[in-house]
Structures are given as C-alpha cells and as structure tokens.
C-alpha cells in the first residue's frame, strides 16, 4: 500500500518543472544580434530578387505566421489540430468579404462585400477566425491527442462545403478577387504612381514584402514573450501532464481553450497575408492537404520551438516553389504531366523522408540541430577561468 506521503505529488512536480525551466534558460540559443541581422538581410531582399521569388517569400511569411500559431497549440500545449486550413480560409475570405465590393465572379455568380477600410477588414478577419476558434473551444478543452485531431478535421470538411456553396460570400468554385491593402493612404498595388527606391521600382510584391515582414516579426516576438511568461510554463505543463498541471493549480480547460483561440487567430492572420499575396482565392486551396503541410512544418522545424516553426515553414513552402521554377536544370526531374517524378512529387517525397528521419533520429527537428550548432560554437569560445575562493 502507498502511504499518503507517497501520493503527494505537487512538490516533485514543481521542482521538476522548475528544473526544466531553468535548463531552458541556460540552453544556448540564437543571439539577439543575429536575429536583427537576419531581419535586416530579409529587408533588403526586394532590392535584388525578382518578383517570382518575392511572391515565394511572401508565401513563406504567411506560412511562418500560421506555423507559429499551430506550434503554440500542438508543440507547446500538446493539442493536435487538423483544422488549420479552415481558419486560414476564414481569415482569407473574411478579409475579401469585409473589404471587397459587390462584384461578378463568373458563371453568373455575384459576390457580396462590405467595402470596409482594409485595415479594419484585416482586423475583423483575424477576430472572425478567433471567434470560430472560440465556438470550437468547448470541444478543444475536453479532448486531446488523436481525438481532438479527428474532431478538428470535421471543420475542414465543413469549411470546404461552405466555401463551395456560399457563393454570395465566397464566389463558389470560381473564388473571388482580394481587394488591395491600403495603410494610411499608402496602397500596396502596382496601379498607383510608381515608387522607386535606389532605382528599383517597388511593385505589389515589393510593397507587401515589408508588411509581411512586420507581421512575421510581431508574431514571433509575441509568441516568444508568451512562452517566456507564466502562460508558457502552464502550456508546457499541460503538454507534459494534464493531471500534474491541474495539481499545480493550472486551469487546464481554460488554457486549452484560450490557446486554441490564439492559434486560430494566428491562422486567420496568415490567411489574410496569403490572400493579399495571391490576389485571388479559391476553395481548393484550403483543403486537408494544407493542414497536413502545416503539421509537416512544425514537425520538421521542431515541436515547441518558435524559430523551428519558422524554419520548417520556409522549407515546406519554398522547396516546391523553387523546384517548380528551377527544376528543369535537375536531370532526374520530369516535366509535369509526363508520368515521371516532377517537382511537386519530388518535394512530397522529400517532406515524407524528412518527417520520418526527424521523428526517428532527431525528434527536436531543425531547432535541435540549431541548438547543437550553438552549443558547439559556445564551446569554441574563450574559456573562462573559475577562481576558487581563498580560505581565511
């Protein structure tokens, strides 16, 4: 028989959590100066890259925002969600509806629009995604693991049905155009008077580049600060053990519901940026495959790591795009439709092999590899001499 003292788990749980947090603080990471340098390098890329690569970069930025949100839910709280594509669709179509004008979209279909200011429309679209996440939160707060994954998958199928049939809002099968974003009178469109910076004409992609970069930086900073505080500790305790978290005084149901809403808002913001980049959205884009791609991003990047989610998003989005543009130079890739392994199929093989490889050999993903490199660089630095205290 176990004694009452053996059943009192709060003390060891608390000490274990404290040791875990302490080890995370001591773990070497990417210096702040290096992060600033990366942001500055990304900021000057529009001066050198063509429009096709800038569009790929904008898709990467949208994916980074969505992957950070999913990683907060799955990687840091342990809640499996397959509904990310649904919330991206809510953000994208919400912005198009709030900011758009009533117009013909083809096939005799007229799409409605509220013609709101674009900044207000973007904010409302993100809040709308959070609202749908709030409606689903009673389910997300009671389920976990594969059960929550299957339940959230229903949102994708419901969303696809609505996108194809709510023609007055979504445009149906034909989709609908996305209004140009305007910020304080500055238009992110190419039809406006030409804008030149250092003799480089800034078109739509160049202008959207800095909007996307600002959104990525803000999303990254918010997620990092959230995880450093008490909410981050509570989320990680829920991921490790819901029972232990409840013993430590964490309101498990409320935290799980809140993180699901926050993840939905991240996805809504990613959907808005995706819609602005693509300029026309169709229902087929927001299917089950998109949710699987986001899971691949956070697994390859590293579950629980904000920076890892960003790296995984860049890899999953950029690789197929780059292979499609420059795959003709690779002898083992066939032309699309020829029956051989084309760029899209090869990218899927790479992602599948990467997921299996990371799960077997490096469950921490790209983030764990980055930490190993940081530790190796720290060992190569100057050694500090520790002086022993002199006895008196």
Protein backbone atom coordinates (compact mmCIF):
# COMPACT_ATOMS: atom_id res chain seq x y z
CA UNK A 1 0.00 0.00 0.00
CA UNK A 2 1.23 3.50 -0.79
CA UNK A 3 1.38 5.91 2.06
CA UNK A 4 -0.20 9.36 1.99
CA UNK A 5 3.23 10.91 1.65
CA UNK A 6 3.89 8.85 -1.48
CA UNK A 7 0.74 10.22 -3.11
CA UNK A 8 1.60 13.88 -2.56
CA UNK A 9 2.99 14.79 -5.97
CA UNK A 10 2.97 18.62 -6.04
CA UNK A 11 6.47 19.07 -4.64
CA UNK A 12 8.34 16.84 -7.08
CA UNK A 13 6.24 18.08 -9.97
CA UNK A 14 7.02 21.67 -9.07
CA UNK A 15 10.71 21.00 -8.65
CA UNK A 16 10.83 19.14 -11.95
CA UNK A 17 9.08 22.00 -13.74
CA UNK A 18 11.43 24.49 -12.14
CA UNK A 19 14.47 22.47 -13.20
CA UNK A 20 13.04 22.18 -16.72
CA UNK A 21 12.51 25.94 -16.96
CA UNK A 22 15.96 26.59 -15.56
CA UNK A 23 17.57 24.28 -18.11
CA UNK A 24 15.69 26.01 -20.91
CA UNK A 25 17.01 29.38 -19.77
CA UNK A 26 20.58 28.12 -19.65
CA UNK A 27 20.36 26.49 -23.07
CA UNK A 28 22.28 28.49 -25.68
CA UNK A 29 20.17 29.88 -28.48
CA UNK A 30 20.37 32.34 -31.32
CA UNK A 31 21.80 35.68 -30.15
CA UNK A 32 19.55 38.71 -30.47
CA UNK A 33 22.14 40.42 -32.68
CA UNK A 34 21.96 37.53 -35.16
CA UNK A 35 18.16 37.81 -35.27
CA UNK A 36 18.45 41.53 -36.02
CA UNK A 37 20.96 40.81 -38.80
CA UNK A 38 18.61 38.23 -40.34
CA UNK A 39 15.74 40.74 -40.32
CA UNK A 40 17.93 43.41 -41.93
CA UNK A 41 19.09 40.99 -44.63
CA UNK A 42 15.50 39.99 -45.38
CA UNK A 43 14.54 43.69 -45.51
CA UNK A 44 16.94 44.43 -48.38
CA UNK A 45 15.99 41.39 -50.49
CA UNK A 46 13.33 43.28 -52.53
CA UNK A 47 16.18 45.35 -53.96
CA UNK A 48 17.73 42.26 -55.55
CA UNK A 49 15.17 39.47 -56.00
CA UNK A 50 12.75 39.17 -58.94
CA UNK A 51 9.00 39.24 -58.41
CA UNK A 52 8.57 35.45 -58.61
CA UNK A 53 10.96 34.87 -55.71
CA UNK A 54 9.39 37.71 -53.74
CA UNK A 55 6.00 36.03 -54.13
CA UNK A 56 7.50 32.77 -52.86
CA UNK A 57 8.97 34.67 -49.92
CA UNK A 58 5.58 36.19 -49.11
CA UNK A 59 4.01 32.73 -49.13
CA UNK A 60 6.77 31.69 -46.71
CA UNK A 61 5.94 34.62 -44.43
CA UNK A 62 2.28 33.66 -44.40
CA UNK A 63 3.22 30.06 -43.60
CA UNK A 64 5.57 31.20 -40.81
CA UNK A 65 2.74 33.05 -39.06
CA UNK A 66 0.41 30.07 -39.35
CA UNK A 67 3.09 27.59 -38.27
CA UNK A 68 3.92 29.63 -35.16
CA UNK A 69 0.25 29.57 -34.19
CA UNK A 70 -0.04 25.82 -34.74
CA UNK A 71 3.16 25.20 -32.80
CA UNK A 72 1.78 27.09 -29.81
CA UNK A 73 -1.17 24.71 -29.86
CA UNK A 74 0.45 21.42 -30.81
CA UNK A 75 4.11 21.81 -29.89
CA UNK A 76 3.73 23.76 -26.65
CA UNK A 77 0.33 22.66 -25.37
CA UNK A 78 0.15 19.15 -26.83
CA UNK A 79 -3.16 19.69 -28.65
CA UNK A 80 -3.29 18.07 -32.08
CA UNK A 81 -5.27 20.13 -34.58
CA UNK A 82 -6.01 19.37 -38.22
CA UNK A 83 -8.24 22.41 -38.70
CA UNK A 84 -5.58 24.99 -39.53
CA UNK A 85 -6.65 25.16 -43.19
CA UNK A 86 -10.18 26.06 -42.08
CA UNK A 87 -9.02 29.05 -40.04
CA UNK A 88 -6.74 30.24 -42.86
CA UNK A 89 -9.80 30.18 -45.12
CA UNK A 90 -11.79 32.18 -42.57
CA UNK A 91 -9.07 34.84 -42.49
CA UNK A 92 -8.64 34.98 -46.27
CA UNK A 93 -12.32 35.01 -47.20
CA UNK A 94 -13.21 37.19 -44.23
CA UNK A 95 -10.85 39.90 -45.45
CA UNK A 96 -12.12 39.58 -49.04
CA UNK A 97 -15.72 39.92 -47.86
CA UNK A 98 -15.21 42.76 -45.38
CA UNK A 99 -13.04 44.86 -47.72
CA UNK A 100 -14.45 43.80 -51.08
CA UNK A 101 -17.05 45.38 -53.30
CA UNK A 102 -20.08 43.53 -54.69
CA UNK A 103 -18.88 42.13 -58.00
CA UNK A 104 -19.40 39.44 -60.61
CA UNK A 105 -17.04 36.47 -60.20
CA UNK A 106 -18.05 34.44 -63.25
CA UNK A 107 -20.71 31.89 -64.07
CA UNK A 108 -23.46 34.39 -63.27
CA UNK A 109 -22.41 34.49 -59.61
CA UNK A 110 -22.29 37.77 -57.71
CA UNK A 111 -20.11 38.03 -54.60
CA UNK A 112 -21.10 40.49 -51.89
CA UNK A 113 -18.80 42.82 -49.99
CA UNK A 114 -19.00 45.39 -47.20
CA UNK A 115 -16.35 47.79 -48.60
CA UNK A 116 -14.82 48.46 -45.19
CA UNK A 117 -11.38 50.08 -44.81
CA UNK A 118 -8.78 47.42 -45.48
CA UNK A 119 -7.05 47.74 -42.09
CA UNK A 120 -10.38 47.30 -40.31
CA UNK A 121 -11.26 44.41 -42.64
CA UNK A 122 -7.98 42.63 -41.81
CA UNK A 123 -8.54 43.06 -38.07
CA UNK A 124 -12.12 41.81 -38.34
CA UNK A 125 -10.98 38.80 -40.39
CA UNK A 126 -8.48 37.82 -37.67
CA UNK A 127 -11.13 38.31 -34.97
CA UNK A 128 -13.58 36.25 -37.03
CA UNK A 129 -11.08 33.37 -37.12
CA UNK A 130 -10.67 33.70 -33.36
CA UNK A 131 -14.46 33.70 -32.95
CA UNK A 132 -14.80 30.41 -34.80
CA UNK A 133 -11.96 29.05 -32.66
CA UNK A 134 -13.92 30.18 -29.60
CA UNK A 135 -17.01 28.35 -30.84
CA UNK A 136 -14.93 25.18 -31.12
CA UNK A 137 -13.14 25.73 -27.79
CA UNK A 138 -15.64 23.73 -25.66
CA UNK A 139 -14.61 20.70 -27.72
CA UNK A 140 -10.90 21.54 -27.75
CA UNK A 141 -10.89 21.98 -23.96
CA UNK A 142 -12.32 18.49 -23.39
CA UNK A 143 -10.41 16.43 -25.96
CA UNK A 144 -6.74 15.83 -26.64
CA UNK A 145 -4.50 13.82 -28.90
CA UNK A 146 -5.94 11.94 -31.84
CA UNK A 147 -9.50 12.55 -30.60
CA UNK A 148 -9.09 16.32 -30.92
CA UNK A 149 -7.36 15.83 -34.27
CA UNK A 150 -10.32 13.89 -35.70
CA UNK A 151 -12.83 16.34 -34.22
CA UNK A 152 -10.96 19.34 -35.67
CA UNK A 153 -10.75 17.61 -39.07
CA UNK A 154 -14.51 17.99 -39.31
CA UNK A 155 -14.02 21.76 -39.52
CA UNK A 156 -12.03 21.36 -42.75
CA UNK A 157 -14.80 19.32 -44.40
CA UNK A 158 -17.48 21.72 -43.18
CA UNK A 159 -15.41 24.64 -44.39
CA UNK A 160 -14.97 23.12 -47.86
CA UNK A 161 -18.72 22.62 -48.15
CA UNK A 162 -19.40 26.22 -47.13
CA UNK A 163 -16.73 27.66 -49.44
CA UNK A 164 -18.18 25.88 -52.47
CA UNK A 165 -21.83 26.63 -51.69
CA UNK A 166 -21.91 30.06 -50.00
CA UNK A 167 -21.49 31.71 -53.38
CA UNK A 168 -22.71 35.14 -52.25
CA UNK A 169 -19.72 35.40 -49.89
CA UNK A 170 -17.01 33.13 -51.31
CA UNK A 171 -17.78 33.23 -55.04
CA UNK A 172 -18.22 29.46 -55.08
CA UNK A 173 -15.98 27.31 -57.24
CA UNK A 174 -14.61 30.35 -59.10
CA UNK A 175 -13.38 32.03 -55.92
CA UNK A 176 -13.16 35.80 -55.62
CA UNK A 177 -10.67 38.60 -56.01
CA UNK A 178 -8.91 40.07 -52.99
CA UNK A 179 -9.02 43.86 -52.53
CA UNK A 180 -5.73 45.74 -52.44
CA UNK A 181 -4.47 46.59 -48.97
CA UNK A 182 -4.22 50.27 -48.02
CA UNK A 183 -2.44 51.58 -44.94
CA UNK A 184 -2.84 55.25 -44.01
CA UNK A 185 -3.40 56.19 -47.63
CA UNK A 186 -0.49 54.11 -48.95
CA UNK A 187 -1.62 51.49 -51.45
CA UNK A 188 0.09 48.12 -51.84
CA UNK A 189 -0.79 47.92 -55.52
CA UNK A 190 1.13 48.41 -58.74
CA UNK A 191 -1.53 50.55 -60.36
CA UNK A 192 -0.68 53.52 -58.14
CA UNK A 193 2.00 56.07 -59.12
CA UNK A 194 5.37 54.39 -59.46
CA UNK A 195 7.56 54.09 -56.38
CA UNK A 196 11.32 53.84 -56.81
CA UNK A 197 13.84 53.10 -54.05
CA UNK A 198 17.53 53.01 -55.00
CA UNK A 199 16.49 52.87 -58.66
CA UNK A 200 14.35 49.77 -58.01
CA UNK A 201 10.67 50.01 -58.84
CA UNK A 202 8.55 48.82 -55.94
CA UNK A 203 5.52 46.97 -57.23
CA UNK A 204 2.91 44.96 -55.36
CA UNK A 205 5.21 42.21 -54.10
CA UNK A 206 7.93 44.65 -53.01
CA UNK A 207 5.42 46.69 -51.04
CA UNK A 208 3.74 43.66 -49.50
CA UNK A 209 7.17 42.33 -48.52
CA UNK A 210 7.59 44.84 -45.71
CA UNK A 211 4.03 44.38 -44.50
CA UNK A 212 4.62 40.62 -44.32
CA UNK A 213 8.00 41.09 -42.61
CA UNK A 214 6.44 43.33 -39.96
CA UNK A 215 3.67 40.80 -39.30
CA UNK A 216 6.19 37.95 -39.01
CA UNK A 217 8.38 39.88 -36.55
CA UNK A 218 5.40 40.86 -34.39
CA UNK A 219 4.03 37.29 -34.42
CA UNK A 220 7.45 35.91 -33.48
CA UNK A 221 8.00 38.39 -30.63
CA UNK A 222 4.51 37.84 -29.21
CA UNK A 223 4.92 34.05 -29.23
CA UNK A 224 8.39 34.20 -27.64
CA UNK A 225 7.22 36.53 -24.87
CA UNK A 226 4.15 34.37 -24.27
CA UNK A 227 6.27 31.25 -23.83
CA UNK A 228 8.74 33.01 -21.51
CA UNK A 229 5.99 34.00 -19.08
CA UNK A 230 3.67 32.09 -16.81
CA UNK A 231 1.25 31.16 -19.64
CA UNK A 232 4.12 29.44 -21.45
CA UNK A 233 5.02 27.42 -18.36
CA UNK A 234 1.38 26.44 -17.88
CA UNK A 235 1.08 25.39 -21.54
CA UNK A 236 4.17 23.18 -21.31
CA UNK A 237 2.93 21.61 -18.09
CA UNK A 238 -0.36 20.77 -19.80
CA UNK A 239 1.59 19.22 -22.66
CA UNK A 240 3.66 17.07 -20.29
CA UNK A 241 0.84 16.04 -17.93
CA UNK A 242 -2.64 17.49 -17.58
CA UNK A 243 -3.05 15.86 -14.18
CA UNK A 244 0.18 17.35 -12.88
CA UNK A 245 -0.76 20.76 -14.30
CA UNK A 246 -4.14 20.62 -12.54
CA UNK A 247 -2.42 19.68 -9.27
CA UNK A 248 -0.17 22.72 -9.64
CA UNK A 249 -3.25 24.96 -9.93
CA UNK A 250 -3.40 25.38 -13.73
CA UNK A 251 -6.92 25.75 -15.13
CA UNK A 252 -6.38 23.15 -17.83
CA UNK A 253 -9.67 23.60 -19.67
CA UNK A 254 -9.37 27.38 -19.84
CA UNK A 255 -5.77 27.28 -21.06
CA UNK A 256 -6.52 24.69 -23.74
CA UNK A 257 -9.47 26.73 -24.99
CA UNK A 258 -7.50 30.00 -24.92
CA UNK A 259 -4.55 28.59 -26.83
CA UNK A 260 -6.90 27.15 -29.44
CA UNK A 261 -8.44 30.59 -29.95
CA UNK A 262 -4.98 32.18 -30.17
CA UNK A 263 -3.83 29.59 -32.70
CA UNK A 264 -6.96 30.26 -34.75
CA UNK A 265 -6.18 33.99 -34.81
CA UNK A 266 -2.63 33.29 -35.96
CA UNK A 267 -4.08 31.19 -38.77
CA UNK A 268 -6.54 33.96 -39.64
CA UNK A 269 -3.70 36.47 -39.91
CA UNK A 270 -1.76 34.04 -42.11
CA UNK A 271 -4.86 33.70 -44.29
CA UNK A 272 -5.10 37.48 -44.73
CA UNK A 273 -1.45 37.73 -45.84
CA UNK A 274 -1.89 34.71 -48.13
CA UNK A 275 -4.93 36.30 -49.78
CA UNK A 276 -3.11 39.61 -50.30
CA UNK A 277 -0.18 37.78 -51.89
CA UNK A 278 -2.24 35.59 -54.17
CA UNK A 279 -4.77 38.37 -55.00
CA UNK A 280 -7.41 35.72 -55.81
CA UNK A 281 -8.56 32.90 -53.54
CA UNK A 282 -10.33 29.66 -54.47
CA UNK A 283 -11.79 26.97 -52.18
CA UNK A 284 -9.47 24.18 -53.38
CA UNK A 285 -6.51 25.93 -51.73
CA UNK A 286 -7.85 25.42 -48.21
CA UNK A 287 -8.29 21.67 -48.16
CA UNK A 288 -6.99 18.88 -45.96
CA UNK A 289 -3.61 18.90 -47.73
CA UNK A 290 -2.92 22.39 -46.38
CA UNK A 291 -3.46 21.24 -42.79
CA UNK A 292 -1.06 18.35 -43.33
CA UNK A 293 1.53 20.75 -44.72
CA UNK A 294 1.35 22.84 -41.54
CA UNK A 295 1.85 19.73 -39.42
CA UNK A 296 4.88 18.89 -41.55
CA UNK A 297 6.23 22.41 -40.94
CA UNK A 298 6.21 22.15 -37.15
CA UNK A 299 7.49 18.55 -37.10
CA UNK A 300 10.40 19.29 -39.42
CA UNK A 301 11.11 22.60 -37.69
CA UNK A 302 10.82 21.23 -34.17
CA UNK A 303 7.79 20.92 -31.91
CA UNK A 304 7.72 23.61 -29.24
CA UNK A 305 10.21 25.93 -30.96
CA UNK A 306 9.06 29.25 -32.41
CA UNK A 307 12.18 29.61 -34.55
CA UNK A 308 11.92 25.98 -35.62
CA UNK A 309 8.35 26.56 -36.83
CA UNK A 310 9.65 29.41 -38.98
CA UNK A 311 12.42 27.26 -40.47
CA UNK A 312 10.03 24.39 -41.15
CA UNK A 313 7.57 26.74 -42.87
CA UNK A 314 10.28 28.13 -45.13
CA UNK A 315 11.41 24.64 -46.12
CA UNK A 316 7.94 23.23 -46.80
CA UNK A 317 6.76 26.25 -48.80
CA UNK A 318 9.93 27.27 -50.62
CA UNK A 319 11.16 23.85 -51.77
CA UNK A 320 8.22 23.03 -54.11
CA UNK A 321 8.16 26.60 -55.43
CA UNK A 322 11.89 26.64 -56.17
CA UNK A 323 11.80 23.18 -57.70
CA UNK A 324 8.92 24.22 -59.96
CA UNK A 325 10.85 27.26 -61.19
CA UNK A 326 14.33 25.78 -61.46
CA UNK A 327 13.64 22.04 -61.58
CA UNK A 328 14.31 21.87 -65.31
CA UNK A 329 18.02 22.11 -64.50
CA UNK A 330 17.86 18.88 -62.47
CA UNK A 331 18.23 15.82 -64.72
CA UNK A 332 16.23 13.43 -62.52
CA UNK A 333 13.04 15.56 -62.54
CA UNK A 334 10.46 15.09 -65.28
CA UNK A 335 8.15 17.70 -66.76
CA UNK A 336 4.70 17.95 -65.10
CA UNK A 337 2.22 15.54 -66.67
CA UNK A 338 4.88 13.41 -68.36
CA UNK A 339 4.36 10.47 -66.00
CA UNK A 340 7.72 10.76 -64.24
CA UNK A 341 8.70 12.30 -60.92
CA UNK A 342 8.01 16.01 -61.32
CA UNK A 343 8.98 18.82 -58.94
CA UNK A 344 5.80 18.60 -56.85
CA UNK A 345 6.07 14.83 -56.37
CA UNK A 346 9.76 15.05 -55.53
CA UNK A 347 9.05 17.72 -52.90
CA UNK A 348 6.45 15.45 -51.26
CA UNK A 349 8.96 12.59 -51.17
CA UNK A 350 11.49 14.89 -49.51
CA UNK A 351 8.97 16.02 -46.90
CA UNK A 352 7.94 12.46 -46.13
CA UNK A 353 11.53 11.32 -45.75
CA UNK A 354 12.34 14.38 -43.63
CA UNK A 355 9.43 13.75 -41.25
CA UNK A 356 10.37 10.08 -40.81
CA UNK A 357 14.04 10.95 -40.39
CA UNK A 358 13.42 13.67 -37.81
CA UNK A 359 10.97 11.52 -35.83
CA UNK A 360 13.46 8.63 -35.69
CA UNK A 361 16.83 10.35 -35.42
CA UNK A 362 16.13 13.92 -34.25
CA UNK A 363 12.71 14.48 -32.73
CA UNK A 364 13.64 18.10 -31.98
CA UNK A 365 13.74 18.94 -35.70
CA UNK A 366 15.74 21.74 -37.22
CA UNK A 367 15.58 23.66 -33.94
CA UNK A 368 17.51 20.91 -32.13
CA UNK A 369 20.16 20.93 -34.85
CA UNK A 370 20.46 24.69 -34.45
CA UNK A 371 20.88 24.31 -30.68
CA UNK A 372 23.65 21.77 -31.22
CA UNK A 373 25.44 24.19 -33.51
CA UNK A 374 25.04 26.96 -30.92
CA UNK A 375 26.47 24.69 -28.22
CA UNK A 376 29.42 23.79 -30.43
CA UNK A 377 30.12 27.46 -31.10
CA UNK A 378 29.86 28.20 -27.38
CA UNK A 379 32.46 25.52 -26.63
CA UNK A 380 34.78 27.02 -29.23
CA UNK A 381 34.63 30.40 -27.47
CA UNK A 382 37.13 31.63 -24.88
CA UNK A 383 37.16 29.56 -21.73
CA UNK A 384 36.51 31.35 -18.53
CA UNK A 385 38.82 30.73 -15.62
CA UNK A 386 36.97 29.99 -12.40
CA UNK A 387 38.86 31.18 -9.34
CA UNK A 388 38.49 29.15 -6.21
CA UNK A 389 37.62 31.16 -3.08
CA UNK A 390 40.61 31.65 -0.80
CA UNK A 391 40.31 30.26 2.68
CA UNK A 392 40.85 32.62 5.58
